[in-house]
Amino acid sequence: MNAWTQTLLLIVVFGLLAGVLRWAFGNDRRAVPDYTGDDFGLLNEVALVPTEEAARILAKRLRTAGIKATAVRAPQPGAYRVMVFPADIPDAKLLLRDV
């Protein structure tokens, strides 16, 4: 084999390798991340309040009871949400019912 044949064979082998790798790993079908700030993953809303202070107080009350909670700004202007994990929703709603 001369130098031209070896070079051509090397280009063909690398081209085939690139095609196989692109076929195997290049088809990314993962969901596009939500950068709008509305998606909190597993967290669900248990309360919607008008002030940040009220949301922090409710989240603190839930945390005191052993429920992981967080307060975040809602999409509506001037509103805040208290968010908990799905397993804690019934307990959180029961605890916040009297507030």
Protein backbone atom coordinates (compact mmCIF):
# COMPACT_ATOMS: atom_id res chain seq x y z
CA MET A 1 0.00 0.00 0.00
CA ASN A 2 1.25 3.39 -0.85
CA ALA A 3 0.82 6.60 1.17
CA TRP A 4 -2.31 7.73 -0.72
CA THR A 5 -4.10 4.44 -0.12
CA GLN A 6 -3.23 4.47 3.57
CA THR A 7 -4.41 8.07 3.93
CA LEU A 8 -7.67 7.33 2.12
CA LEU A 9 -8.25 4.21 4.23
CA LEU A 10 -7.56 6.20 7.43
CA ILE A 11 -10.08 8.90 6.38
CA VAL A 12 -12.72 6.26 5.62
CA VAL A 13 -12.16 4.47 8.95
CA PHE A 14 -12.36 7.74 10.93
CA GLY A 15 -15.45 8.78 8.97
CA LEU A 16 -17.17 5.48 9.76
CA LEU A 17 -16.14 5.75 13.42
CA ALA A 18 -17.49 9.31 13.60
CA GLY A 19 -20.77 8.20 12.00
CA VAL A 20 -21.20 5.31 14.44
CA LEU A 21 -20.41 7.51 17.45
CA ARG A 22 -22.82 10.21 16.27
CA TRP A 23 -25.54 7.59 15.78
CA ALA A 24 -24.95 6.08 19.21
CA PHE A 25 -24.42 9.20 21.32
CA GLY A 26 -25.49 12.20 19.26
CA ASN A 27 -29.27 11.89 19.52
CA ASP A 28 -29.97 13.83 22.70
CA ARG A 29 -33.68 13.56 23.49
CA ARG A 30 -33.58 14.88 27.05
CA ALA A 31 -36.13 17.47 28.04
CA VAL A 32 -35.15 21.08 27.61
CA PRO A 33 -34.66 22.70 31.03
CA ASP A 34 -37.18 25.30 32.12
CA TYR A 35 -35.39 28.61 32.59
CA THR A 36 -38.55 30.64 33.21
CA GLY A 37 -38.47 29.92 36.94
CA ASP A 38 -41.92 28.29 37.02
CA ASP A 39 -40.76 24.68 37.26
CA PHE A 40 -39.78 23.53 40.74
CA GLY A 41 -39.38 19.84 39.94
CA LEU A 42 -41.00 17.70 42.60
CA LEU A 43 -42.16 20.59 44.77
CA ASN A 44 -45.88 21.41 44.89
CA GLU A 45 -47.68 24.50 46.08
CA VAL A 46 -49.57 24.27 49.38
CA ALA A 47 -50.16 27.98 49.99
CA LEU A 48 -50.30 31.21 48.01
CA VAL A 49 -49.85 34.36 50.07
CA PRO A 50 -49.56 38.07 49.22
CA THR A 51 -46.27 38.87 51.00
CA GLU A 52 -42.82 37.38 51.26
CA GLU A 53 -42.93 37.66 55.05
CA ALA A 54 -46.13 35.59 55.22
CA ALA A 55 -44.59 32.92 52.99
CA ARG A 56 -41.46 32.76 55.18
CA ILE A 57 -43.58 32.45 58.33
CA LEU A 58 -45.63 29.59 56.87
CA ALA A 59 -42.50 27.81 55.59
CA LYS A 60 -40.89 28.19 59.01
CA ARG A 61 -44.01 26.76 60.67
CA LEU A 62 -43.87 23.74 58.34
CA ARG A 63 -40.14 23.24 58.94
CA THR A 64 -40.73 23.39 62.70
CA ALA A 65 -43.22 20.53 62.26
CA GLY A 66 -40.60 18.50 60.37
CA ILE A 67 -41.85 19.20 56.84
CA LYS A 68 -39.30 20.41 54.30
CA ALA A 69 -40.71 23.62 52.83
CA THR A 70 -39.55 26.59 50.82
CA ALA A 71 -41.03 29.99 49.93
CA VAL A 72 -40.71 31.25 46.36
CA ARG A 73 -42.03 34.14 44.29
CA ALA A 74 -45.16 33.23 42.31
CA PRO A 75 -45.68 34.12 38.64
CA GLN A 76 -48.44 36.53 39.69
CA PRO A 77 -47.08 39.93 40.70
CA GLY A 78 -46.87 40.42 44.45
CA ALA A 79 -47.62 36.79 45.35
CA TYR A 80 -45.49 34.13 47.01
CA ARG A 81 -45.87 30.35 47.12
CA VAL A 82 -45.04 27.88 49.85
CA MET A 83 -43.79 24.66 48.28
CA VAL A 84 -43.40 21.13 49.73
CA PHE A 85 -42.67 17.64 48.42
CA PRO A 86 -45.65 15.50 47.28
CA ALA A 87 -45.42 13.11 50.24
CA ASP A 88 -45.77 16.05 52.64
CA ILE A 89 -48.78 17.74 50.99
CA PRO A 90 -51.52 16.25 53.22
CA ASP A 91 -49.63 17.02 56.43
CA ALA A 92 -48.73 20.52 55.25
CA LYS A 93 -52.32 21.35 54.28
CA LEU A 94 -53.56 20.00 57.59
CA LEU A 95 -51.01 22.10 59.49
CA LEU A 96 -51.75 25.25 57.49
CA ARG A 97 -55.53 24.80 57.59
CA ASP A 98 -55.87 26.71 60.88
CA VAL A 99 -53.74 29.66 59.77
